[in-house]
All heavy atoms as atom14 arrays in JSON, in Angstrom:
{
  "sequence": "LAKFLSNKRCPAVVVEAMEVLGGMGYVEDTPLPLLYR",
  "atom14_mask": [
    [1, 1, 1, 1, 1, 1, 1, 1, 0, 0, 0, 0, 0, 0],
    [1, 1, 1, 1, 1, 0, 0, 0, 0, 0, 0, 0, 0, 0],
    [1, 1, 1, 1, 1, 1, 1, 1, 1, 0, 0, 0, 0, 0],
    [1, 1, 1, 1, 1, 1, 1, 1, 1, 1, 1, 0, 0, 0],
    [1, 1, 1, 1, 1, 1, 1, 1, 0, 0, 0, 0, 0, 0],
    [1, 1, 1, 1, 1, 1, 0, 0, 0, 0, 0, 0, 0, 0],
    [1, 1, 1, 1, 1, 1, 1, 1, 0, 0, 0, 0, 0, 0],
    [1, 1, 1, 1, 1, 1, 1, 1, 1, 0, 0, 0, 0, 0],
    [1, 1, 1, 1, 1, 1, 1, 1, 1, 1, 1, 0, 0, 0],
    [1, 1, 1, 1, 1, 1, 0, 0, 0, 0, 0, 0, 0, 0],
    [1, 1, 1, 1, 1, 1, 1, 0, 0, 0, 0, 0, 0, 0],
    [1, 1, 1, 1, 1, 0, 0, 0, 0, 0, 0, 0, 0, 0],
    [1, 1, 1, 1, 1, 1, 1, 0, 0, 0, 0, 0, 0, 0],
    [1, 1, 1, 1, 1, 1, 1, 0, 0, 0, 0, 0, 0, 0],
    [1, 1, 1, 1, 1, 1, 1, 0, 0, 0, 0, 0, 0, 0],
    [1, 1, 1, 1, 1, 1, 1, 1, 1, 0, 0, 0, 0, 0],
    [1, 1, 1, 1, 1, 0, 0, 0, 0, 0, 0, 0, 0, 0],
    [1, 1, 1, 1, 1, 1, 1, 1, 0, 0, 0, 0, 0, 0],
    [1, 1, 1, 1, 1, 1, 1, 1, 1, 0, 0, 0, 0, 0],
    [1, 1, 1, 1, 1, 1, 1, 0, 0, 0, 0, 0, 0, 0],
    [1, 1, 1, 1, 1, 1, 1, 1, 0, 0, 0, 0, 0, 0],
    [1, 1, 1, 1, 0, 0, 0, 0, 0, 0, 0, 0, 0, 0],
    [1, 1, 1, 1, 0, 0, 0, 0, 0, 0, 0, 0, 0, 0],
    [1, 1, 1, 1, 1, 1, 1, 1, 0, 0, 0, 0, 0, 0],
    [1, 1, 1, 1, 0, 0, 0, 0, 0, 0, 0, 0, 0, 0],
    [1, 1, 1, 1, 1, 1, 1, 1, 1, 1, 1, 1, 0, 0],
    [1, 1, 1, 1, 1, 1, 1, 0, 0, 0, 0, 0, 0, 0],
    [1, 1, 1, 1, 1, 1, 1, 1, 1, 0, 0, 0, 0, 0],
    [1, 1, 1, 1, 1, 1, 1, 1, 0, 0, 0, 0, 0, 0],
    [1, 1, 1, 1, 1, 1, 1, 0, 0, 0, 0, 0, 0, 0],
    [1, 1, 1, 1, 1, 1, 1, 0, 0, 0, 0, 0, 0, 0],
    [1, 1, 1, 1, 1, 1, 1, 1, 0, 0, 0, 0, 0, 0],
    [1, 1, 1, 1, 1, 1, 1, 0, 0, 0, 0, 0, 0, 0],
    [1, 1, 1, 1, 1, 1, 1, 1, 0, 0, 0, 0, 0, 0],
    [1, 1, 1, 1, 1, 1, 1, 1, 0, 0, 0, 0, 0, 0],
    [1, 1, 1, 1, 1, 1, 1, 1, 1, 1, 1, 1, 0, 0],
    [1, 1, 1, 1, 1, 1, 1, 1, 1, 1, 1, 0, 0, 0]
  ],
  "atom14_positions": [
    [[0.83, -1.2, 0.0], [0.0, 0.0, 0.0], [0.85, 1.26, -0.01], [0.6, 2.23, -0.73], [-0.94, 0.0, 1.21], [-2.05, -1.05, 1.17], [-2.7, -1.26, 2.53], [-3.15, -0.61, 0.14], [0.0, 0.0, 0.0], [0.0, 0.0, 0.0], [0.0, 0.0, 0.0], [0.0, 0.0, 0.0], [0.0, 0.0, 0.0], [0.0, 0.0, 0.0]],
    [[1.92, 1.26, 0.81], [2.8, 2.41, 0.88], [3.51, 2.64, -0.42], [3.67, 3.77, -0.91], [3.79, 2.27, 2.02], [0.0, 0.0, 0.0], [0.0, 0.0, 0.0], [0.0, 0.0, 0.0], [0.0, 0.0, 0.0], [0.0, 0.0, 0.0], [0.0, 0.0, 0.0], [0.0, 0.0, 0.0], [0.0, 0.0, 0.0], [0.0, 0.0, 0.0]],
    [[4.01, 1.57, -1.01], [4.74, 1.67, -2.29], [3.81, 2.25, -3.38], [4.19, 3.12, -4.15], [5.26, 0.34, -2.72], [5.81, 0.27, -4.16], [6.41, -1.06, -4.5], [6.52, -1.28, -6.02], [7.26, -0.26, -6.7], [0.0, 0.0, 0.0], [0.0, 0.0, 0.0], [0.0, 0.0, 0.0], [0.0, 0.0, 0.0], [0.0, 0.0, 0.0]],
    [[2.59, 1.77, -3.43], [1.66, 2.23, -4.47], [1.36, 3.73, -4.34], [1.57, 4.49, -5.28], [0.38, 1.42, -4.42], [-0.65, 1.89, -5.45], [-0.45, 1.65, -6.79], [-1.81, 2.53, -5.04], [-1.37, 2.09, -7.74], [-2.73, 2.98, -5.95], [-2.54, 2.74, -7.3], [0.0, 0.0, 0.0], [0.0, 0.0, 0.0], [0.0, 0.0, 0.0]],
    [[0.91, 4.15, -3.18], [0.48, 5.53, -3.03], [1.61, 6.5, -3.1], [1.56, 7.52, -3.83], [-0.26, 5.69, -1.7], [-0.78, 7.12, -1.37], [-1.79, 7.56, -2.4], [-1.35, 7.18, 0.03], [0.0, 0.0, 0.0], [0.0, 0.0, 0.0], [0.0, 0.0, 0.0], [0.0, 0.0, 0.0], [0.0, 0.0, 0.0], [0.0, 0.0, 0.0]],
    [[2.7, 6.26, -2.41], [3.8, 7.23, -2.33], [4.44, 7.42, -3.7], [4.86, 8.54, -4.03], [4.82, 6.76, -1.3], [4.24, 6.74, 0.01], [0.0, 0.0, 0.0], [0.0, 0.0, 0.0], [0.0, 0.0, 0.0], [0.0, 0.0, 0.0], [0.0, 0.0, 0.0], [0.0, 0.0, 0.0], [0.0, 0.0, 0.0], [0.0, 0.0, 0.0]],
    [[4.54, 6.36, -4.46], [5.16, 6.52, -5.79], [4.24, 7.18, -6.81], [4.73, 7.75, -7.79], [5.64, 5.13, -6.28], [6.96, 4.76, -5.62], [7.94, 5.39, -5.8], [6.91, 3.72, -4.79], [0.0, 0.0, 0.0], [0.0, 0.0, 0.0], [0.0, 0.0, 0.0], [0.0, 0.0, 0.0], [0.0, 0.0, 0.0], [0.0, 0.0, 0.0]],
    [[2.93, 7.09, -6.6], [2.02, 7.8, -7.49], [2.08, 9.32, -7.19], [1.89, 10.12, -8.07], [0.6, 7.27, -7.35], [0.39, 5.88, -7.88], [0.82, 5.82, -9.37], [0.66, 4.41, -9.92], [1.22, 4.3, -11.31], [0.0, 0.0, 0.0], [0.0, 0.0, 0.0], [0.0, 0.0, 0.0], [0.0, 0.0, 0.0], [0.0, 0.0, 0.0]],
    [[2.33, 9.65, -5.94], [2.39, 11.08, -5.58], [3.73, 11.72, -5.86], [3.83, 12.92, -6.09], [2.05, 11.25, -4.08], [0.61, 10.89, -3.7], [-0.38, 11.67, -4.57], [-0.12, 13.1, -4.56], [-0.39, 13.93, -5.55], [-0.91, 13.46, -6.67], [-0.15, 15.22, -5.44], [0.0, 0.0, 0.0], [0.0, 0.0, 0.0], [0.0, 0.0, 0.0]],
    [[4.79, 10.94, -5.83], [6.14, 11.49, -5.94], [6.37, 12.32, -7.18], [6.86, 13.47, -7.07], [7.17, 10.36, -5.8], [8.9, 10.95, -5.85], [0.0, 0.0, 0.0], [0.0, 0.0, 0.0], [0.0, 0.0, 0.0], [0.0, 0.0, 0.0], [0.0, 0.0, 0.0], [0.0, 0.0, 0.0], [0.0, 0.0, 0.0], [0.0, 0.0, 0.0]],
    [[6.09, 11.86, -8.42], [6.32, 12.68, -9.55], [5.59, 14.01, -9.55], [6.13, 15.04, -9.95], [5.89, 11.82, -10.74], [5.99, 10.41, -10.24], [5.61, 10.49, -8.81], [0.0, 0.0, 0.0], [0.0, 0.0, 0.0], [0.0, 0.0, 0.0], [0.0, 0.0, 0.0], [0.0, 0.0, 0.0], [0.0, 0.0, 0.0], [0.0, 0.0, 0.0]],
    [[4.34, 13.99, -9.05], [3.56, 15.23, -8.98], [4.2, 16.23, -8.0], [4.25, 17.43, -8.27], [2.15, 14.9, -8.57], [0.0, 0.0, 0.0], [0.0, 0.0, 0.0], [0.0, 0.0, 0.0], [0.0, 0.0, 0.0], [0.0, 0.0, 0.0], [0.0, 0.0, 0.0], [0.0, 0.0, 0.0], [0.0, 0.0, 0.0], [0.0, 0.0, 0.0]],
    [[4.67, 15.73, -6.88], [5.32, 16.63, -5.92], [6.6, 17.22, -6.49], [6.86, 18.45, -6.36], [5.61, 15.89, -4.61], [6.45, 16.73, -3.65], [4.3, 15.51, -3.91], [0.0, 0.0, 0.0], [0.0, 0.0, 0.0], [0.0, 0.0, 0.0], [0.0, 0.0, 0.0], [0.0, 0.0, 0.0], [0.0, 0.0, 0.0], [0.0, 0.0, 0.0]],
    [[7.4, 16.39, -7.11], [8.69, 16.88, -7.64], [8.48, 17.9, -8.77], [9.17, 18.9, -8.81], [9.56, 15.68, -8.12], [10.82, 16.2, -8.83], [9.94, 14.8, -6.96], [0.0, 0.0, 0.0], [0.0, 0.0, 0.0], [0.0, 0.0, 0.0], [0.0, 0.0, 0.0], [0.0, 0.0, 0.0], [0.0, 0.0, 0.0], [0.0, 0.0, 0.0]],
    [[7.52, 17.65, -9.63], [7.3, 18.6, -10.71], [6.75, 19.92, -10.21], [7.06, 21.01, -10.74], [6.4, 17.99, -11.84], [4.94, 17.99, -11.42], [6.61, 18.75, -13.15], [0.0, 0.0, 0.0], [0.0, 0.0, 0.0], [0.0, 0.0, 0.0], [0.0, 0.0, 0.0], [0.0, 0.0, 0.0], [0.0, 0.0, 0.0], [0.0, 0.0, 0.0]],
    [[5.92, 19.91, -9.16], [5.46, 21.14, -8.57], [6.61, 21.92, -7.93], [6.67, 23.14, -8.02], [4.35, 20.88, -7.57], [3.04, 20.43, -8.15], [2.27, 21.56, -8.85], [2.74, 22.75, -8.81], [1.23, 21.25, -9.46], [0.0, 0.0, 0.0], [0.0, 0.0, 0.0], [0.0, 0.0, 0.0], [0.0, 0.0, 0.0], [0.0, 0.0, 0.0]],
    [[7.51, 21.21, -7.26], [8.67, 21.85, -6.67], [9.54, 22.45, -7.75], [10.09, 23.56, -7.59], [9.46, 20.84, -5.83], [0.0, 0.0, 0.0], [0.0, 0.0, 0.0], [0.0, 0.0, 0.0], [0.0, 0.0, 0.0], [0.0, 0.0, 0.0], [0.0, 0.0, 0.0], [0.0, 0.0, 0.0], [0.0, 0.0, 0.0], [0.0, 0.0, 0.0]],
    [[9.7, 21.73, -8.87], [10.45, 22.26, -9.98], [9.82, 23.55, -10.52], [10.53, 24.53, -10.81], [10.5, 21.22, -11.1], [11.23, 21.68, -12.39], [11.12, 20.41, -13.68], [12.24, 19.17, -13.04], [0.0, 0.0, 0.0], [0.0, 0.0, 0.0], [0.0, 0.0, 0.0], [0.0, 0.0, 0.0], [0.0, 0.0, 0.0], [0.0, 0.0, 0.0]],
    [[8.52, 23.58, -10.59], [7.82, 24.73, -11.12], [7.94, 25.94, -10.16], [7.95, 27.1, -10.63], [6.34, 24.42, -11.31], [5.57, 25.47, -12.08], [4.15, 25.02, -12.37], [3.96, 23.88, -12.79], [3.23, 25.83, -12.17], [0.0, 0.0, 0.0], [0.0, 0.0, 0.0], [0.0, 0.0, 0.0], [0.0, 0.0, 0.0], [0.0, 0.0, 0.0]],
    [[8.11, 25.67, -8.87], [8.32, 26.78, -7.94], [9.56, 27.61, -8.31], [9.6, 28.8, -8.2], [8.48, 26.22, -6.49], [9.01, 27.28, -5.53], [7.13, 25.74, -5.98], [0.0, 0.0, 0.0], [0.0, 0.0, 0.0], [0.0, 0.0, 0.0], [0.0, 0.0, 0.0], [0.0, 0.0, 0.0], [0.0, 0.0, 0.0], [0.0, 0.0, 0.0]],
    [[10.6, 26.92, -8.79], [11.83, 27.58, -9.16], [11.73, 28.2, -10.57], [12.68, 28.84, -11.03], [13.01, 26.61, -9.15], [13.73, 26.45, -7.79], [12.83, 25.75, -6.76], [15.03, 25.65, -7.97], [0.0, 0.0, 0.0], [0.0, 0.0, 0.0], [0.0, 0.0, 0.0], [0.0, 0.0, 0.0], [0.0, 0.0, 0.0], [0.0, 0.0, 0.0]],
    [[10.63, 27.95, -11.27], [10.53, 28.5, -12.63], [11.54, 27.87, -13.54], [11.83, 26.66, -13.46], [0.0, 0.0, 0.0], [0.0, 0.0, 0.0], [0.0, 0.0, 0.0], [0.0, 0.0, 0.0], [0.0, 0.0, 0.0], [0.0, 0.0, 0.0], [0.0, 0.0, 0.0], [0.0, 0.0, 0.0], [0.0, 0.0, 0.0], [0.0, 0.0, 0.0]],
    [[12.09, 28.68, -14.41], [13.07, 28.15, -15.37], [14.28, 27.52, -14.74], [14.83, 26.57, -15.28], [0.0, 0.0, 0.0], [0.0, 0.0, 0.0], [0.0, 0.0, 0.0], [0.0, 0.0, 0.0], [0.0, 0.0, 0.0], [0.0, 0.0, 0.0], [0.0, 0.0, 0.0], [0.0, 0.0, 0.0], [0.0, 0.0, 0.0], [0.0, 0.0, 0.0]],
    [[14.7, 28.06, -13.59], [15.86, 27.51, -12.91], [15.65, 26.07, -12.49], [16.56, 25.28, -12.46], [16.22, 28.36, -11.7], [17.06, 29.57, -12.0], [18.59, 29.15, -12.9], [19.4, 28.09, -11.74], [0.0, 0.0, 0.0], [0.0, 0.0, 0.0], [0.0, 0.0, 0.0], [0.0, 0.0, 0.0], [0.0, 0.0, 0.0], [0.0, 0.0, 0.0]],
    [[14.39, 25.72, -12.18], [14.1, 24.34, -11.77], [14.3, 23.36, -12.9], [14.48, 22.16, -12.64], [0.0, 0.0, 0.0], [0.0, 0.0, 0.0], [0.0, 0.0, 0.0], [0.0, 0.0, 0.0], [0.0, 0.0, 0.0], [0.0, 0.0, 0.0], [0.0, 0.0, 0.0], [0.0, 0.0, 0.0], [0.0, 0.0, 0.0], [0.0, 0.0, 0.0]],
    [[14.31, 23.82, -14.14], [14.48, 22.96, -15.28], [15.92, 22.84, -15.74], [16.22, 22.19, -16.74], [13.61, 23.52, -16.45], [13.19, 22.52, -17.48], [12.31, 21.46, -17.14], [13.64, 22.58, -18.78], [11.92, 20.55, -18.12], [13.27, 21.69, -19.74], [12.42, 20.66, -19.41], [12.01, 19.72, -20.33], [0.0, 0.0, 0.0], [0.0, 0.0, 0.0]],
    [[16.81, 23.49, -15.0], [18.22, 23.57, -15.39], [19.05, 22.68, -14.47], [18.81, 22.59, -13.26], [18.7, 25.03, -15.3], [20.18, 25.15, -15.55], [17.94, 25.89, -16.29], [0.0, 0.0, 0.0], [0.0, 0.0, 0.0], [0.0, 0.0, 0.0], [0.0, 0.0, 0.0], [0.0, 0.0, 0.0], [0.0, 0.0, 0.0], [0.0, 0.0, 0.0]],
    [[20.04, 22.01, -15.06], [20.84, 21.04, -14.31], [21.74, 21.69, -13.25], [22.35, 21.0, -12.45], [21.75, 20.25, -15.27], [21.0, 19.39, -16.27], [20.4, 18.15, -15.66], [20.71, 17.82, -14.49], [19.6, 17.46, -16.35], [0.0, 0.0, 0.0], [0.0, 0.0, 0.0], [0.0, 0.0, 0.0], [0.0, 0.0, 0.0], [0.0, 0.0, 0.0]],
    [[21.78, 23.03, -13.18], [22.5, 23.67, -12.07], [21.81, 23.39, -10.72], [22.42, 23.53, -9.67], [22.52, 25.2, -12.27], [23.47, 25.6, -13.42], [24.26, 24.78, -13.82], [23.35, 26.75, -13.85], [0.0, 0.0, 0.0], [0.0, 0.0, 0.0], [0.0, 0.0, 0.0], [0.0, 0.0, 0.0], [0.0, 0.0, 0.0], [0.0, 0.0, 0.0]],
    [[20.54, 23.03, -10.76], [19.8, 22.68, -9.56], [19.61, 21.15, -9.52], [19.74, 20.46, -10.55], [18.42, 23.34, -9.54], [17.56, 22.67, -10.46], [18.51, 24.82, -9.93], [0.0, 0.0, 0.0], [0.0, 0.0, 0.0], [0.0, 0.0, 0.0], [0.0, 0.0, 0.0], [0.0, 0.0, 0.0], [0.0, 0.0, 0.0], [0.0, 0.0, 0.0]],
    [[19.27, 20.61, -8.36], [19.02, 19.14, -8.29], [17.67, 18.68, -8.86], [17.44, 17.49, -8.96], [19.09, 18.86, -6.76], [19.62, 20.07, -6.16], [19.27, 21.21, -7.06], [0.0, 0.0, 0.0], [0.0, 0.0, 0.0], [0.0, 0.0, 0.0], [0.0, 0.0, 0.0], [0.0, 0.0, 0.0], [0.0, 0.0, 0.0], [0.0, 0.0, 0.0]],
    [[16.82, 19.62, -9.23], [15.44, 19.25, -9.6], [15.39, 18.31, -10.82], [14.59, 17.34, -10.84], [14.59, 20.48, -9.81], [13.83, 21.05, -8.56], [12.94, 19.96, -7.95], [14.78, 21.56, -7.53], [0.0, 0.0, 0.0], [0.0, 0.0, 0.0], [0.0, 0.0, 0.0], [0.0, 0.0, 0.0], [0.0, 0.0, 0.0], [0.0, 0.0, 0.0]],
    [[16.16, 18.54, -11.89], [16.09, 17.6, -13.0], [16.44, 16.16, -12.59], [15.79, 15.2, -13.03], [17.07, 18.19, -14.03], [17.03, 19.63, -13.74], [16.95, 19.75, -12.24], [0.0, 0.0, 0.0], [0.0, 0.0, 0.0], [0.0, 0.0, 0.0], [0.0, 0.0, 0.0], [0.0, 0.0, 0.0], [0.0, 0.0, 0.0], [0.0, 0.0, 0.0]],
    [[17.49, 16.0, -11.77], [17.85, 14.66, -11.3], [16.7, 14.03, -10.53], [16.37, 12.86, -10.72], [19.1, 14.75, -10.43], [19.67, 13.44, -9.91], [21.17, 13.56, -9.66], [19.02, 13.0, -8.57], [0.0, 0.0, 0.0], [0.0, 0.0, 0.0], [0.0, 0.0, 0.0], [0.0, 0.0, 0.0], [0.0, 0.0, 0.0], [0.0, 0.0, 0.0]],
    [[16.09, 14.8, -9.63], [14.99, 14.28, -8.83], [13.79, 13.94, -9.71], [13.09, 12.95, -9.46], [14.6, 15.33, -7.77], [15.69, 15.65, -6.72], [15.25, 16.82, -5.87], [15.95, 14.45, -5.82], [0.0, 0.0, 0.0], [0.0, 0.0, 0.0], [0.0, 0.0, 0.0], [0.0, 0.0, 0.0], [0.0, 0.0, 0.0], [0.0, 0.0, 0.0]],
    [[13.54, 14.75, -10.72], [12.42, 14.5, -11.6], [12.61, 13.24, -12.4], [11.66, 12.46, -12.6], [12.23, 15.71, -12.53], [11.02, 15.61, -13.44], [9.74, 15.58, -12.9], [11.13, 15.58, -14.82], [8.61, 15.5, -13.7], [10.01, 15.49, -15.63], [8.75, 15.44, -15.08], [7.66, 15.38, -15.86], [0.0, 0.0, 0.0], [0.0, 0.0, 0.0]],
    [[13.85, 13.01, -12.89], [14.13, 11.8, -13.63], [14.0, 10.54, -12.71], [13.65, 9.45, -13.19], [15.53, 11.84, -14.24], [15.68, 12.78, -15.39], [17.03, 12.57, -16.08], [18.14, 12.92, -15.24], [18.71, 14.12, -15.14], [18.23, 15.12, -15.91], [19.74, 14.31, -14.38], [0.0, 0.0, 0.0], [0.0, 0.0, 0.0], [0.0, 0.0, 0.0]]
  ]
}
């Protein structure tokens, strides 16, 4: 149950965090692209 729910939420959380940084969140200078992949 934990594996199913947490992994369905993870990509959505990471992409929202990426969007908080705007364009910088999409740049490899930050950790967000690694986390998103």
